[in-house]
Amino acid sequence: MADDKKKAERHFNWQALKEAVERMKPELRAASEATHNYGADDTPDDRDFDRIVALGYLAQSLEGLCGPHLWVLNEIASALYGFHAADGEHGEETTRHHQH
């Protein structure tokens, strides 16, 4: 009985995360478009350098995040990936799934 209750609570909390990210999608899309427009005139070398720097900052910040915040970040990243996949920036649209 306790395992069923714990499992139901975990499922409820996971659904709450998914729904929260779903509600954030309009703002995430706006932020994504704004940042793409910010660097629209950059050369490919500038874009590559910016990506490397951004990845460095992201990797540095990850060490301070707890596991639950990493799951939130993963869901946000998945939403952003979905926007770009739908726009054809990653070839065919790919749905990223994971078990939790």
N, C-alpha and C. Protein backbone atom coordinates (compact mmCIF):
# COMPACT_ATOMS: atom_id res chain seq x y z
N MET A 1 0.82 -1.20 0.00
CA MET A 1 0.00 0.00 0.00
C MET A 1 0.86 1.26 0.00
N ALA A 2 1.91 1.26 0.82
CA ALA A 2 2.78 2.43 0.88
C ALA A 2 3.48 2.66 -0.45
N ASP A 3 3.87 1.55 -1.13
CA ASP A 3 4.52 1.68 -2.43
C ASP A 3 3.58 2.27 -3.47
N ASP A 4 2.30 1.87 -3.43
CA ASP A 4 1.32 2.42 -4.36
C ASP A 4 1.11 3.91 -4.12
N LYS A 5 1.07 4.30 -2.87
CA LYS A 5 0.89 5.72 -2.54
C LYS A 5 2.10 6.53 -3.00
N LYS A 6 3.29 6.00 -2.75
CA LYS A 6 4.51 6.69 -3.17
C LYS A 6 4.57 6.80 -4.69
N LYS A 7 4.20 5.71 -5.37
CA LYS A 7 4.20 5.71 -6.83
C LYS A 7 3.20 6.73 -7.38
N ALA A 8 2.02 6.80 -6.78
CA ALA A 8 1.00 7.76 -7.21
C ALA A 8 1.47 9.20 -6.97
N GLU A 9 2.14 9.42 -5.85
CA GLU A 9 2.64 10.76 -5.55
C GLU A 9 3.73 11.17 -6.53
N ARG A 10 4.62 10.25 -6.84
CA ARG A 10 5.68 10.54 -7.82
C ARG A 10 5.08 10.86 -9.18
N HIS A 11 4.08 10.08 -9.59
CA HIS A 11 3.42 10.33 -10.86
C HIS A 11 2.75 11.71 -10.87
N PHE A 12 2.07 12.04 -9.78
CA PHE A 12 1.42 13.35 -9.66
C PHE A 12 2.45 14.47 -9.79
N ASN A 13 3.56 14.35 -9.10
CA ASN A 13 4.59 15.39 -9.14
C ASN A 13 5.24 15.48 -10.51
N TRP A 14 5.44 14.33 -11.17
CA TRP A 14 6.01 14.35 -12.52
C TRP A 14 5.06 15.05 -13.49
N GLN A 15 3.77 14.76 -13.36
CA GLN A 15 2.77 15.41 -14.22
C GLN A 15 2.73 16.91 -13.95
N ALA A 16 2.88 17.32 -12.70
CA ALA A 16 2.90 18.74 -12.36
C ALA A 16 4.07 19.44 -13.06
N LEU A 17 5.22 18.79 -13.08
CA LEU A 17 6.38 19.35 -13.79
C LEU A 17 6.09 19.47 -15.28
N LYS A 18 5.58 18.41 -15.89
CA LYS A 18 5.28 18.44 -17.32
C LYS A 18 4.28 19.55 -17.66
N GLU A 19 3.26 19.70 -16.84
CA GLU A 19 2.24 20.73 -17.08
C GLU A 19 2.81 22.13 -16.90
N ALA A 20 3.69 22.31 -15.92
CA ALA A 20 4.30 23.62 -15.71
C ALA A 20 5.15 24.02 -16.91
N VAL A 21 5.93 23.08 -17.42
CA VAL A 21 6.76 23.38 -18.60
C VAL A 21 5.87 23.65 -19.80
N GLU A 22 4.78 22.93 -19.93
CA GLU A 22 3.85 23.17 -21.04
C GLU A 22 3.30 24.60 -20.99
N ARG A 23 2.98 25.08 -19.80
CA ARG A 23 2.48 26.45 -19.65
C ARG A 23 3.56 27.48 -19.96
N MET A 24 4.83 27.10 -19.79
CA MET A 24 5.93 28.02 -20.05
C MET A 24 6.30 28.11 -21.53
N LYS A 25 5.79 27.23 -22.34
CA LYS A 25 6.23 27.15 -23.74
C LYS A 25 6.10 28.46 -24.51
N PRO A 26 5.02 29.23 -24.36
CA PRO A 26 4.99 30.50 -25.11
C PRO A 26 6.15 31.43 -24.74
N GLU A 27 6.47 31.51 -23.45
CA GLU A 27 7.58 32.36 -23.02
C GLU A 27 8.92 31.79 -23.46
N LEU A 28 9.05 30.46 -23.43
CA LEU A 28 10.28 29.83 -23.90
C LEU A 28 10.48 30.08 -25.39
N ARG A 29 9.40 30.00 -26.16
CA ARG A 29 9.51 30.27 -27.60
C ARG A 29 9.92 31.71 -27.85
N ALA A 30 9.32 32.65 -27.10
CA ALA A 30 9.67 34.06 -27.26
C ALA A 30 11.14 34.30 -26.89
N ALA A 31 11.60 33.69 -25.82
CA ALA A 31 13.00 33.83 -25.42
C ALA A 31 13.92 33.22 -26.47
N SER A 32 13.54 32.08 -27.00
CA SER A 32 14.34 31.43 -28.03
C SER A 32 14.45 32.31 -29.28
N GLU A 33 13.33 32.85 -29.72
CA GLU A 33 13.34 33.71 -30.90
C GLU A 33 14.17 34.96 -30.66
N ALA A 34 14.04 35.55 -29.48
CA ALA A 34 14.79 36.77 -29.16
C ALA A 34 16.29 36.51 -29.18
N THR A 35 16.72 35.40 -28.60
CA THR A 35 18.15 35.12 -28.57
C THR A 35 18.68 34.75 -29.95
N HIS A 36 17.86 34.09 -30.77
CA HIS A 36 18.30 33.82 -32.14
C HIS A 36 18.40 35.12 -32.94
N ASN A 37 17.48 36.03 -32.73
CA ASN A 37 17.55 37.32 -33.42
C ASN A 37 18.73 38.15 -32.95
N TYR A 38 19.08 38.01 -31.68
CA TYR A 38 20.20 38.75 -31.10
C TYR A 38 21.49 38.46 -31.86
N GLY A 39 21.70 37.20 -32.22
CA GLY A 39 22.92 36.82 -32.91
C GLY A 39 22.74 36.55 -34.39
N ALA A 40 21.68 37.08 -34.98
CA ALA A 40 21.35 36.77 -36.38
C ALA A 40 22.44 37.21 -37.36
N ASP A 41 23.15 38.27 -37.04
CA ASP A 41 24.18 38.79 -37.96
C ASP A 41 25.56 38.20 -37.70
N ASP A 42 25.67 37.32 -36.73
CA ASP A 42 26.96 36.72 -36.42
C ASP A 42 27.42 35.80 -37.53
N THR A 43 28.72 35.68 -37.67
CA THR A 43 29.29 34.73 -38.63
C THR A 43 29.19 33.33 -38.02
N PRO A 44 29.33 32.30 -38.84
CA PRO A 44 29.32 30.93 -38.29
C PRO A 44 30.37 30.73 -37.20
N ASP A 45 31.54 31.36 -37.36
CA ASP A 45 32.58 31.24 -36.33
C ASP A 45 32.14 31.89 -35.03
N ASP A 46 31.47 33.05 -35.12
CA ASP A 46 30.95 33.72 -33.93
C ASP A 46 29.91 32.85 -33.23
N ARG A 47 29.02 32.24 -34.03
CA ARG A 47 27.98 31.39 -33.45
C ARG A 47 28.58 30.18 -32.75
N ASP A 48 29.59 29.58 -33.38
CA ASP A 48 30.25 28.43 -32.76
C ASP A 48 30.93 28.83 -31.45
N PHE A 49 31.61 29.98 -31.46
CA PHE A 49 32.27 30.45 -30.24
C PHE A 49 31.24 30.73 -29.15
N ASP A 50 30.15 31.41 -29.51
CA ASP A 50 29.10 31.69 -28.53
C ASP A 50 28.52 30.41 -27.95
N ARG A 51 28.35 29.40 -28.79
CA ARG A 51 27.81 28.12 -28.33
C ARG A 51 28.75 27.46 -27.33
N ILE A 52 30.05 27.49 -27.63
CA ILE A 52 31.04 26.90 -26.73
C ILE A 52 31.04 27.64 -25.39
N VAL A 53 31.02 28.96 -25.43
CA VAL A 53 30.99 29.74 -24.19
C VAL A 53 29.72 29.45 -23.39
N ALA A 54 28.58 29.41 -24.08
CA ALA A 54 27.31 29.12 -23.40
C ALA A 54 27.33 27.73 -22.78
N LEU A 55 27.87 26.75 -23.49
CA LEU A 55 27.97 25.39 -22.94
C LEU A 55 28.86 25.36 -21.70
N GLY A 56 29.92 26.15 -21.73
CA GLY A 56 30.81 26.23 -20.56
C GLY A 56 30.09 26.80 -19.35
N TYR A 57 29.35 27.88 -19.54
CA TYR A 57 28.58 28.47 -18.44
C TYR A 57 27.52 27.49 -17.94
N LEU A 58 26.86 26.81 -18.86
CA LEU A 58 25.84 25.84 -18.47
C LEU A 58 26.44 24.70 -17.66
N ALA A 59 27.55 24.15 -18.15
CA ALA A 59 28.21 23.06 -17.43
C ALA A 59 28.65 23.50 -16.04
N GLN A 60 29.15 24.71 -15.93
CA GLN A 60 29.57 25.23 -14.63
C GLN A 60 28.39 25.36 -13.68
N SER A 61 27.25 25.81 -14.18
CA SER A 61 26.09 26.00 -13.31
C SER A 61 25.44 24.69 -12.91
N LEU A 62 25.63 23.64 -13.70
CA LEU A 62 24.99 22.35 -13.41
C LEU A 62 25.49 21.74 -12.10
N GLU A 63 26.74 22.00 -11.74
CA GLU A 63 27.28 21.38 -10.55
C GLU A 63 26.58 21.85 -9.28
N GLY A 64 25.94 23.01 -9.33
CA GLY A 64 25.25 23.52 -8.15
C GLY A 64 23.78 23.15 -8.09
N LEU A 65 23.28 22.43 -9.08
CA LEU A 65 21.86 22.09 -9.10
C LEU A 65 21.61 20.73 -8.46
N CYS A 66 20.51 20.65 -7.73
CA CYS A 66 20.10 19.37 -7.16
C CYS A 66 19.43 18.54 -8.25
N GLY A 67 19.24 17.26 -7.98
CA GLY A 67 18.62 16.35 -8.95
C GLY A 67 17.27 16.83 -9.46
N PRO A 68 16.35 17.25 -8.57
CA PRO A 68 15.05 17.72 -9.07
C PRO A 68 15.17 18.92 -10.01
N HIS A 69 16.09 19.85 -9.72
CA HIS A 69 16.25 21.00 -10.61
C HIS A 69 16.85 20.58 -11.95
N LEU A 70 17.67 19.53 -11.94
CA LEU A 70 18.19 19.01 -13.20
C LEU A 70 17.07 18.45 -14.06
N TRP A 71 16.08 17.79 -13.41
CA TRP A 71 14.92 17.29 -14.17
C TRP A 71 14.12 18.45 -14.77
N VAL A 72 13.96 19.54 -14.01
CA VAL A 72 13.26 20.71 -14.54
C VAL A 72 14.02 21.25 -15.74
N LEU A 73 15.32 21.40 -15.60
CA LEU A 73 16.14 21.90 -16.70
C LEU A 73 16.05 20.98 -17.92
N ASN A 74 16.04 19.68 -17.69
CA ASN A 74 15.92 18.72 -18.78
C ASN A 74 14.59 18.90 -19.52
N GLU A 75 13.52 19.10 -18.79
CA GLU A 75 12.21 19.30 -19.43
C GLU A 75 12.18 20.59 -20.24
N ILE A 76 12.80 21.63 -19.71
CA ILE A 76 12.87 22.90 -20.45
C ILE A 76 13.71 22.72 -21.72
N ALA A 77 14.85 22.04 -21.59
CA ALA A 77 15.69 21.79 -22.75
C ALA A 77 14.95 20.96 -23.79
N SER A 78 14.17 19.99 -23.34
CA SER A 78 13.39 19.17 -24.27
C SER A 78 12.36 20.02 -25.01
N ALA A 79 11.74 20.96 -24.31
CA ALA A 79 10.77 21.85 -24.95
C ALA A 79 11.46 22.71 -26.01
N LEU A 80 12.62 23.28 -25.67
CA LEU A 80 13.35 24.09 -26.64
C LEU A 80 13.79 23.25 -27.84
N TYR A 81 14.24 22.04 -27.58
CA TYR A 81 14.63 21.13 -28.66
C TYR A 81 13.44 20.87 -29.57
N GLY A 82 12.27 20.70 -28.97
CA GLY A 82 11.06 20.46 -29.75
C GLY A 82 10.73 21.61 -30.69
N PHE A 83 10.93 22.85 -30.22
CA PHE A 83 10.68 24.02 -31.08
C PHE A 83 11.58 23.96 -32.31
N HIS A 84 12.86 23.69 -32.09
CA HIS A 84 13.81 23.72 -33.19
C HIS A 84 13.64 22.52 -34.11
N ALA A 85 13.26 21.40 -33.55
CA ALA A 85 12.99 20.23 -34.39
C ALA A 85 11.78 20.50 -35.28
N ALA A 86 10.75 21.12 -34.71
CA ALA A 86 9.55 21.44 -35.48
C ALA A 86 9.84 22.47 -36.56
N ASP A 87 10.82 23.35 -36.30
CA ASP A 87 11.20 24.37 -37.29
C ASP A 87 12.21 23.84 -38.30
N GLY A 88 12.58 22.55 -38.17
CA GLY A 88 13.51 21.94 -39.11
C GLY A 88 14.96 22.21 -38.83
N GLU A 89 15.29 22.76 -37.66
CA GLU A 89 16.68 23.07 -37.36
C GLU A 89 17.49 21.84 -36.97
N HIS A 90 16.82 20.74 -36.63
CA HIS A 90 17.53 19.52 -36.25
C HIS A 90 17.17 18.38 -37.18
N GLY A 91 16.86 18.68 -38.42
CA GLY A 91 16.45 17.63 -39.36
C GLY A 91 15.04 17.20 -39.02
N GLU A 92 14.79 15.91 -39.04
CA GLU A 92 13.46 15.40 -38.74
C GLU A 92 13.12 15.66 -37.28
N GLU A 93 11.85 15.90 -37.04
CA GLU A 93 11.42 16.13 -35.67
C GLU A 93 11.60 14.84 -34.87
N THR A 94 12.23 14.97 -33.73
CA THR A 94 12.49 13.84 -32.86
C THR A 94 11.86 14.12 -31.51
N THR A 95 11.13 13.15 -31.00
CA THR A 95 10.56 13.30 -29.67
C THR A 95 11.49 12.62 -28.69
N ARG A 96 11.90 13.36 -27.68
CA ARG A 96 12.78 12.81 -26.66
C ARG A 96 11.92 12.31 -25.52
N HIS A 97 12.08 11.05 -25.19
CA HIS A 97 11.33 10.44 -24.09
C HIS A 97 12.31 9.92 -23.07
N HIS A 98 11.87 9.90 -21.85
CA HIS A 98 12.66 9.27 -20.81
C HIS A 98 11.71 8.69 -19.77
N GLN A 99 12.17 7.71 -19.09
CA GLN A 99 11.39 7.06 -18.05
C GLN A 99 11.73 7.70 -16.72
N HIS A 100 10.74 7.93 -15.94
CA HIS A 100 10.98 8.45 -14.60
C HIS A 100 10.09 7.73 -13.63
